[in-house]
N, C-alpha and C. Protein backbone atom coordinates (compact mmCIF):
# COMPACT_ATOMS: atom_id res chain seq x y z
N MET A 1 0.75 -1.11 0.16
CA MET A 1 -0.07 0.13 0.10
C MET A 1 0.97 1.02 -0.10
N LYS A 2 0.74 2.16 -0.74
CA LYS A 2 1.34 3.15 -1.11
C LYS A 2 1.08 4.29 -0.15
N LEU A 3 1.95 5.37 0.16
CA LEU A 3 1.81 6.55 1.04
C LEU A 3 0.58 7.20 0.20
N ARG A 4 -0.44 7.82 0.74
CA ARG A 4 -1.87 8.68 0.24
C ARG A 4 -2.56 8.01 0.03
N ALA A 5 -2.41 6.73 -0.27
CA ALA A 5 -3.31 5.89 -0.51
C ALA A 5 -4.76 5.64 0.31
N PRO A 6 -5.96 5.67 -0.26
CA PRO A 6 -6.91 5.50 0.67
C PRO A 6 -7.21 4.43 1.47
N MET A 7 -7.75 4.31 2.67
CA MET A 7 -7.75 3.47 3.48
C MET A 7 -8.98 2.58 2.97
N PRO A 8 -8.89 1.22 2.87
CA PRO A 8 -9.28 0.31 2.39
C PRO A 8 -10.70 0.19 3.13
N GLU A 9 -11.87 0.05 2.29
CA GLU A 9 -13.13 -0.61 3.20
C GLU A 9 -12.79 -1.89 4.20
N LEU A 10 -13.64 -1.62 5.47
CA LEU A 10 -13.25 -2.54 6.67
C LEU A 10 -14.31 -3.57 6.50
N ASP A 11 -14.35 -4.16 5.24
CA ASP A 11 -15.70 -5.31 5.35
C ASP A 11 -15.12 -6.78 5.16
N GLY A 12 -15.53 -7.79 5.42
CA GLY A 12 -14.80 -9.27 5.31
C GLY A 12 -14.48 -9.71 6.33
N ALA A 13 -14.69 -8.96 7.27
CA ALA A 13 -14.09 -9.66 8.77
C ALA A 13 -14.83 -11.05 9.00
N THR A 14 -14.12 -11.77 9.72
CA THR A 14 -14.82 -13.22 10.04
C THR A 14 -15.38 -13.05 11.33
N GLU A 15 -15.10 -12.07 11.96
CA GLU A 15 -15.64 -11.60 13.32
C GLU A 15 -14.99 -10.54 13.73
N TRP A 16 -15.84 -9.36 14.29
CA TRP A 16 -15.51 -8.11 14.94
C TRP A 16 -15.40 -8.57 16.44
N LEU A 17 -14.48 -8.25 17.45
CA LEU A 17 -14.59 -8.22 18.65
C LEU A 17 -14.29 -6.90 19.08
N ASN A 18 -15.27 -6.46 20.53
CA ASN A 18 -14.86 -5.03 21.11
C ASN A 18 -15.61 -4.25 20.06
N GLY A 19 -16.75 -4.46 19.59
CA GLY A 19 -17.30 -3.68 18.42
C GLY A 19 -17.07 -3.45 17.03
N GLU A 20 -17.96 -3.31 16.32
CA GLU A 20 -17.55 -3.17 14.90
C GLU A 20 -17.36 -1.89 14.39
N VAL A 21 -16.61 -1.35 13.35
CA VAL A 21 -16.37 -0.10 12.79
C VAL A 21 -16.56 -0.07 11.46
N THR A 22 -16.66 0.87 10.40
CA THR A 22 -16.51 0.79 9.19
C THR A 22 -15.74 2.12 8.97
N ARG A 23 -15.51 1.81 7.61
CA ARG A 23 -14.24 3.03 7.24
C ARG A 23 -15.09 4.57 7.31
N GLU A 24 -16.54 4.52 7.14
CA GLU A 24 -17.32 5.73 7.28
C GLU A 24 -17.25 6.17 8.27
N ASN A 25 -17.34 5.05 9.45
CA ASN A 25 -16.87 5.64 10.71
C ASN A 25 -15.53 6.15 11.06
N LEU A 26 -14.72 6.06 10.51
CA LEU A 26 -13.49 6.60 10.64
C LEU A 26 -12.83 7.64 9.83
N VAL A 27 -13.33 7.63 8.70
CA VAL A 27 -12.69 8.81 7.98
C VAL A 27 -13.40 10.28 8.09
N GLY A 28 -13.20 11.18 8.22
CA GLY A 28 -13.60 12.39 8.19
C GLY A 28 -13.69 12.92 9.73
N ASP A 29 -13.47 11.85 10.42
CA ASP A 29 -13.59 11.98 12.09
C ASP A 29 -12.38 12.45 12.75
N LYS A 30 -11.45 11.49 12.78
CA LYS A 30 -10.08 11.59 13.28
C LYS A 30 -9.21 10.85 12.60
N PRO A 31 -7.73 11.26 12.61
CA PRO A 31 -6.75 10.24 12.38
C PRO A 31 -7.25 8.67 12.62
N THR A 32 -6.47 7.86 12.13
CA THR A 32 -6.87 6.41 12.62
C THR A 32 -5.14 5.62 12.66
N LEU A 33 -4.88 4.85 13.69
CA LEU A 33 -3.87 3.79 13.56
C LEU A 33 -4.63 2.44 13.35
N ILE A 34 -4.03 1.63 12.52
CA ILE A 34 -4.50 0.40 12.17
C ILE A 34 -3.62 -0.40 12.20
N HIS A 35 -3.44 -1.31 13.22
CA HIS A 35 -2.28 -2.36 13.62
C HIS A 35 -2.71 -3.67 13.21
N PHE A 36 -1.61 -4.34 12.73
CA PHE A 36 -2.04 -5.80 12.36
C PHE A 36 -0.95 -6.65 13.58
N TRP A 37 -1.72 -7.80 13.94
CA TRP A 37 -1.10 -8.39 15.04
C TRP A 37 -1.53 -9.87 14.80
N SER A 38 -1.07 -10.77 15.46
CA SER A 38 -1.09 -12.37 15.61
C SER A 38 -0.88 -12.67 16.59
N ILE A 39 -1.67 -13.85 17.44
CA ILE A 39 -1.57 -14.28 18.53
C ILE A 39 -0.27 -15.38 18.53
N SER A 40 0.19 -15.55 17.47
CA SER A 40 1.55 -16.47 17.34
C SER A 40 2.55 -15.63 17.51
N CYS A 41 2.65 -14.40 17.38
CA CYS A 41 3.54 -13.05 17.45
C CYS A 41 4.30 -12.70 18.56
N GLY A 42 5.30 -13.10 18.94
CA GLY A 42 5.80 -12.54 20.10
C GLY A 42 6.13 -11.21 20.15
N LEU A 43 6.91 -10.65 19.05
CA LEU A 43 6.84 -8.98 18.89
C LEU A 43 5.62 -8.50 18.97
N CYS A 44 4.50 -9.04 18.45
CA CYS A 44 3.16 -8.29 18.60
C CYS A 44 2.65 -8.05 20.04
N LYS A 45 2.91 -8.99 20.72
CA LYS A 45 2.70 -8.99 22.35
C LYS A 45 3.61 -8.00 22.90
N ASP A 46 4.88 -8.00 22.62
CA ASP A 46 5.71 -7.07 23.05
C ASP A 46 5.49 -5.86 22.90
N ALA A 47 4.98 -5.40 21.73
CA ALA A 47 4.42 -4.12 21.34
C ALA A 47 3.03 -3.75 21.85
N MET A 48 2.48 -4.60 22.24
CA MET A 48 0.85 -4.34 22.74
C MET A 48 0.73 -2.97 23.68
N PRO A 49 1.63 -3.07 24.61
CA PRO A 49 1.42 -1.93 25.74
C PRO A 49 1.81 -0.72 25.03
N ASN A 50 2.61 -0.53 24.10
CA ASN A 50 2.70 0.62 23.36
C ASN A 50 1.76 0.93 22.64
N VAL A 51 0.84 -0.07 21.91
CA VAL A 51 -0.49 0.41 21.24
C VAL A 51 -1.40 0.73 22.25
N ASN A 52 -1.55 0.34 23.03
CA ASN A 52 -2.35 0.39 24.18
C ASN A 52 -2.39 1.94 24.83
N GLU A 53 -1.04 2.35 24.90
CA GLU A 53 -0.66 3.51 25.30
C GLU A 53 -1.06 4.63 24.27
N PHE A 54 -1.13 4.58 23.06
CA PHE A 54 -1.41 5.18 21.84
C PHE A 54 -2.94 5.34 22.24
N ARG A 55 -3.63 4.25 22.35
CA ARG A 55 -4.94 4.16 22.44
C ARG A 55 -5.68 5.04 23.46
N ASP A 56 -4.88 5.27 24.94
CA ASP A 56 -5.12 5.49 26.13
C ASP A 56 -4.96 7.16 25.99
N GLN A 57 -3.61 7.34 25.56
CA GLN A 57 -3.37 8.49 25.49
C GLN A 57 -3.73 9.40 24.68
N TYR A 58 -4.29 9.03 23.23
CA TYR A 58 -4.95 9.96 22.32
C TYR A 58 -6.38 9.57 22.06
N LYS A 59 -7.00 9.04 23.08
CA LYS A 59 -8.48 8.67 22.87
C LYS A 59 -9.57 9.23 22.22
N ASP A 60 -9.40 10.51 22.77
CA ASP A 60 -10.14 11.72 21.96
C ASP A 60 -9.69 12.04 20.40
N LYS A 61 -8.70 11.79 20.13
CA LYS A 61 -7.99 12.27 18.82
C LYS A 61 -7.57 11.32 17.79
N LEU A 62 -7.69 10.11 18.12
CA LEU A 62 -7.23 9.16 17.16
C LEU A 62 -7.92 7.64 17.46
N ASN A 63 -8.28 7.20 16.34
CA ASN A 63 -8.90 5.86 16.15
C ASN A 63 -7.75 4.83 16.16
N VAL A 64 -8.10 3.73 16.85
CA VAL A 64 -7.08 2.73 16.96
C VAL A 64 -7.97 1.65 16.76
N ILE A 65 -7.51 0.99 15.54
CA ILE A 65 -8.42 -0.38 15.25
C ILE A 65 -7.24 -1.60 15.18
N ALA A 66 -7.36 -2.67 15.84
CA ALA A 66 -6.65 -3.99 15.76
C ALA A 66 -7.16 -4.91 14.84
N VAL A 67 -6.18 -5.54 13.87
CA VAL A 67 -6.66 -6.53 12.71
C VAL A 67 -5.91 -7.66 13.30
N HIS A 68 -6.61 -8.61 13.45
CA HIS A 68 -5.80 -9.98 13.60
C HIS A 68 -5.49 -10.86 12.59
N MET A 69 -4.43 -10.98 12.20
CA MET A 69 -3.79 -11.64 10.94
C MET A 69 -3.36 -13.08 11.37
N PRO A 70 -4.08 -14.05 10.86
CA PRO A 70 -3.36 -15.21 11.14
C PRO A 70 -2.32 -15.68 10.49
N ARG A 71 -1.32 -16.29 10.79
CA ARG A 71 -0.06 -16.88 10.28
C ARG A 71 -0.08 -18.43 10.24
N SER A 72 -1.07 -18.92 10.89
CA SER A 72 -1.05 -20.78 10.88
C SER A 72 -2.42 -20.85 11.17
N GLU A 73 -2.73 -22.27 11.10
CA GLU A 73 -3.97 -22.77 11.41
C GLU A 73 -4.40 -22.52 12.62
N LYS A 74 -3.44 -22.91 13.59
CA LYS A 74 -3.56 -22.50 15.38
C LYS A 74 -4.10 -20.90 15.36
N ASP A 75 -3.75 -20.13 14.69
CA ASP A 75 -3.91 -18.75 14.76
C ASP A 75 -5.48 -18.48 14.37
N LEU A 76 -6.50 -19.46 13.83
CA LEU A 76 -7.62 -19.38 13.42
C LEU A 76 -8.49 -19.52 14.43
N ASP A 77 -7.86 -19.89 15.78
CA ASP A 77 -8.83 -20.23 16.99
C ASP A 77 -9.48 -19.31 17.74
N LEU A 78 -11.03 -18.82 17.15
CA LEU A 78 -11.20 -17.50 17.94
C LEU A 78 -11.24 -17.46 19.36
N GLU A 79 -11.37 -18.34 19.98
CA GLU A 79 -11.59 -18.58 21.40
C GLU A 79 -10.01 -18.11 21.88
N GLU A 80 -9.23 -18.33 21.49
CA GLU A 80 -7.80 -18.02 21.84
C GLU A 80 -7.45 -16.60 21.45
N ILE A 81 -7.86 -16.06 20.20
CA ILE A 81 -7.76 -15.03 19.63
C ILE A 81 -8.38 -13.88 21.10
N LYS A 82 -9.38 -14.39 21.38
CA LYS A 82 -10.35 -13.73 22.61
C LYS A 82 -9.38 -13.62 23.71
N LYS A 83 -9.03 -14.88 23.89
CA LYS A 83 -8.01 -14.62 25.42
C LYS A 83 -6.96 -13.94 25.11
N VAL A 84 -6.05 -14.15 24.17
CA VAL A 84 -4.86 -13.23 24.19
C VAL A 84 -5.42 -11.90 24.13
N ALA A 85 -6.21 -11.46 23.57
CA ALA A 85 -6.66 -10.15 23.31
C ALA A 85 -7.05 -9.40 24.70
N ALA A 86 -7.80 -10.48 25.60
CA ALA A 86 -8.26 -10.18 27.17
C ALA A 86 -6.83 -9.91 27.78
N GLU A 87 -5.79 -10.84 27.60
CA GLU A 87 -4.50 -11.08 28.26
C GLU A 87 -3.98 -9.48 27.87
N HIS A 88 -3.73 -8.82 26.86
CA HIS A 88 -3.11 -8.20 26.67
C HIS A 88 -3.87 -6.55 26.41
N ASP A 89 -5.02 -6.68 27.21
CA ASP A 89 -5.65 -5.66 27.44
C ASP A 89 -6.13 -4.87 26.20
N ILE A 90 -6.42 -5.46 24.88
CA ILE A 90 -6.75 -5.03 23.55
C ILE A 90 -8.40 -4.77 23.82
N SER A 91 -8.52 -3.68 24.02
CA SER A 91 -9.98 -3.20 24.09
C SER A 91 -10.65 -2.52 22.88
N GLN A 92 -9.75 -2.03 22.01
CA GLN A 92 -10.24 -1.37 20.83
C GLN A 92 -10.89 -2.23 19.84
N PRO A 93 -11.43 -1.80 18.97
CA PRO A 93 -12.25 -2.87 17.79
C PRO A 93 -11.21 -3.87 17.26
N ILE A 94 -11.48 -5.37 17.33
CA ILE A 94 -10.61 -6.11 16.63
C ILE A 94 -11.20 -6.60 15.26
N TYR A 95 -10.54 -6.56 14.15
CA TYR A 95 -11.19 -7.14 12.85
C TYR A 95 -10.46 -8.61 12.81
N VAL A 96 -11.08 -9.42 13.09
CA VAL A 96 -10.36 -11.04 12.79
C VAL A 96 -10.69 -11.32 11.46
N ASP A 97 -9.27 -11.25 10.79
CA ASP A 97 -9.25 -11.37 9.41
C ASP A 97 -8.67 -12.94 9.20
N SER A 98 -9.71 -13.80 9.31
CA SER A 98 -9.06 -15.12 9.13
C SER A 98 -9.18 -15.59 7.58
N GLU A 99 -9.71 -14.82 6.77
CA GLU A 99 -9.54 -15.23 5.35
C GLU A 99 -8.87 -14.07 4.80
N HIS A 100 -8.19 -13.70 5.48
CA HIS A 100 -7.02 -12.60 4.93
C HIS A 100 -7.63 -11.52 4.09
N LYS A 101 -8.82 -11.35 4.11
CA LYS A 101 -9.47 -9.86 3.19
C LYS A 101 -9.06 -8.96 3.06
N LEU A 102 -8.78 -8.29 4.80
CA LEU A 102 -8.06 -7.04 4.69
C LEU A 102 -6.81 -7.25 4.68
N THR A 103 -6.27 -7.93 4.86
CA THR A 103 -4.40 -8.28 4.87
C THR A 103 -4.26 -8.15 3.42
N ASP A 104 -5.07 -8.59 2.57
CA ASP A 104 -5.06 -8.49 0.99
C ASP A 104 -5.24 -7.39 0.80
N ALA A 105 -6.08 -6.49 1.17
CA ALA A 105 -6.63 -5.09 0.95
C ALA A 105 -5.57 -3.99 1.00
N PHE A 106 -4.78 -4.38 2.11
CA PHE A 106 -3.82 -3.61 2.50
C PHE A 106 -2.54 -4.19 1.82
N GLU A 107 -2.36 -5.10 1.00
CA GLU A 107 -1.13 -5.85 0.78
C GLU A 107 -0.08 -5.94 1.81
N ASN A 108 -0.82 -6.15 3.13
CA ASN A 108 0.02 -6.57 4.04
C ASN A 108 1.06 -7.73 4.40
N GLN A 109 2.27 -7.75 4.78
CA GLN A 109 2.92 -9.13 4.76
C GLN A 109 3.29 -9.49 6.16
N TYR A 110 3.09 -8.30 7.15
CA TYR A 110 3.93 -8.39 8.08
C TYR A 110 3.26 -8.24 9.50
N VAL A 111 3.61 -9.00 10.83
CA VAL A 111 3.08 -8.47 11.96
C VAL A 111 4.23 -8.56 12.85
N PRO A 112 4.30 -7.57 13.75
CA PRO A 112 3.37 -6.43 13.72
C PRO A 112 3.77 -5.40 12.69
N SER A 113 2.48 -5.09 12.48
CA SER A 113 2.47 -3.50 11.23
C SER A 113 1.59 -2.61 11.42
N TYR A 114 1.93 -1.28 11.33
CA TYR A 114 1.37 -0.39 11.68
C TYR A 114 0.77 0.74 10.35
N TYR A 115 -0.45 1.11 10.34
CA TYR A 115 -0.62 2.02 9.29
C TYR A 115 -1.41 3.15 9.74
N VAL A 116 -0.84 4.30 9.86
CA VAL A 116 -1.11 5.63 10.15
C VAL A 116 -2.02 6.34 8.84
N PHE A 117 -3.37 6.77 9.38
CA PHE A 117 -4.09 7.41 8.28
C PHE A 117 -4.68 8.50 8.81
N ASP A 118 -4.86 9.83 7.90
CA ASP A 118 -4.96 11.10 8.40
C ASP A 118 -6.37 10.96 8.41
N GLU A 119 -7.26 12.25 8.95
CA GLU A 119 -8.51 12.22 9.35
C GLU A 119 -9.45 11.99 7.72
N GLU A 120 -8.68 12.26 6.60
CA GLU A 120 -9.05 11.88 5.29
C GLU A 120 -9.42 10.65 4.55
N GLY A 121 -8.55 9.68 5.66
CA GLY A 121 -8.53 8.56 5.33
C GLY A 121 -7.41 8.20 4.14
N GLN A 122 -6.34 9.08 4.48
CA GLN A 122 -5.21 8.72 3.26
C GLN A 122 -3.75 8.26 4.11
N LEU A 123 -3.09 7.37 3.73
CA LEU A 123 -2.23 6.69 4.48
C LEU A 123 -1.10 7.89 4.61
N ARG A 124 -0.47 8.01 5.61
CA ARG A 124 0.58 8.95 5.96
C ARG A 124 1.74 8.29 6.60
N HIS A 125 1.78 7.25 7.03
CA HIS A 125 3.01 6.48 7.56
C HIS A 125 2.44 4.73 7.71
N PHE A 126 3.64 4.05 7.23
CA PHE A 126 3.70 2.68 7.43
C PHE A 126 4.84 2.17 8.11
N GLN A 127 4.82 1.37 9.05
CA GLN A 127 6.05 0.62 9.51
C GLN A 127 5.59 -0.94 10.08
N ALA A 128 6.68 -1.67 9.98
CA ALA A 128 6.46 -3.09 10.37
C ALA A 128 7.54 -3.61 11.01
N GLY A 129 7.31 -4.47 12.31
CA GLY A 129 8.49 -5.08 12.69
C GLY A 129 8.25 -4.47 14.31
N GLY A 130 9.22 -5.00 15.07
CA GLY A 130 8.77 -4.79 16.55
C GLY A 130 9.18 -3.27 17.05
N GLY A 131 10.41 -2.82 16.72
CA GLY A 131 10.99 -1.69 17.19
C GLY A 131 10.28 -0.46 16.55
N GLY A 132 10.96 0.61 16.90
CA GLY A 132 10.37 1.74 15.95
C GLY A 132 9.33 2.51 16.78
N MET A 133 8.98 2.38 17.89
CA MET A 133 7.91 3.00 18.88
C MET A 133 8.19 4.40 18.63
N LYS A 134 9.47 5.10 18.45
CA LYS A 134 9.73 6.46 18.65
C LYS A 134 9.00 6.84 17.36
N MET A 135 9.63 6.34 16.16
CA MET A 135 9.26 6.84 15.03
C MET A 135 7.68 6.85 14.68
N LEU A 136 6.89 5.65 15.23
CA LEU A 136 5.67 5.68 15.18
C LEU A 136 4.84 6.90 15.87
N THR A 137 5.57 7.16 17.16
CA THR A 137 4.99 8.13 17.82
C THR A 137 5.02 9.50 17.27
N LYS A 138 6.42 9.75 16.58
CA LYS A 138 6.67 11.02 15.98
C LYS A 138 5.62 11.53 14.75
N ARG A 139 5.31 10.06 13.96
CA ARG A 139 4.20 10.11 12.70
C ARG A 139 2.72 10.45 13.43
N VAL A 140 2.63 9.62 14.11
CA VAL A 140 1.33 9.76 14.58
C VAL A 140 0.83 11.33 15.35
N ASN A 141 1.88 11.77 16.19
CA ASN A 141 1.81 13.11 16.44
C ASN A 141 1.75 14.15 15.34
N ARG A 142 2.67 13.90 14.13
CA ARG A 142 2.60 14.88 13.10
C ARG A 142 1.20 14.74 12.64
N VAL A 143 0.56 13.46 12.63
CA VAL A 143 -0.93 13.49 11.62
C VAL A 143 -1.92 14.30 12.76
N LEU A 144 -1.66 14.26 13.77
CA LEU A 144 -2.52 14.77 15.02
C LEU A 144 -2.04 16.43 15.00
N GLY A 145 -0.97 16.98 14.51
CA GLY A 145 -0.61 18.21 14.64
C GLY A 145 -0.27 18.78 16.00
N ILE A 146 0.53 17.72 16.69
CA ILE A 146 1.05 17.84 17.99
C ILE A 146 2.86 18.07 17.70
N LYS A 147 2.90 19.51 18.24
CA LYS A 147 4.15 19.66 18.15
C LYS A 147 5.35 19.12 19.18
N GLU A 148 6.30 18.52 18.98
CA GLU A 148 7.27 17.76 19.95
C GLU A 148 8.11 18.63 20.56
């Protein structure tokens, strides 16, 4: 997915946890952080406190959406996804992408990965991997118009 590309529609979820959202709910409102994770991904679990910090710190200024992207058959267990989500305090909406519909729409290949969209729904930043939270914070702040 290229920078400035529009946010794909959020349809085709196997299931939504913690409430369902649509692209229309997000675009035009405020910037959005969409993060892909998987229950079999240790780096994703390590990064979750940082993602939750974004969610809590910017709750009035930023939409945060989680996308569970399975990497193996074991990752398709919905009860396990719910359990891991609860263990890691993922209270934001979770798009369960067991058929890789959103993964394909984003052309995403990595977990964890982070997509920052501005309030018009245009992609402003993408990064993948376990580190780089400082860079993500910088990009989110820029989209929010917060001076550092």
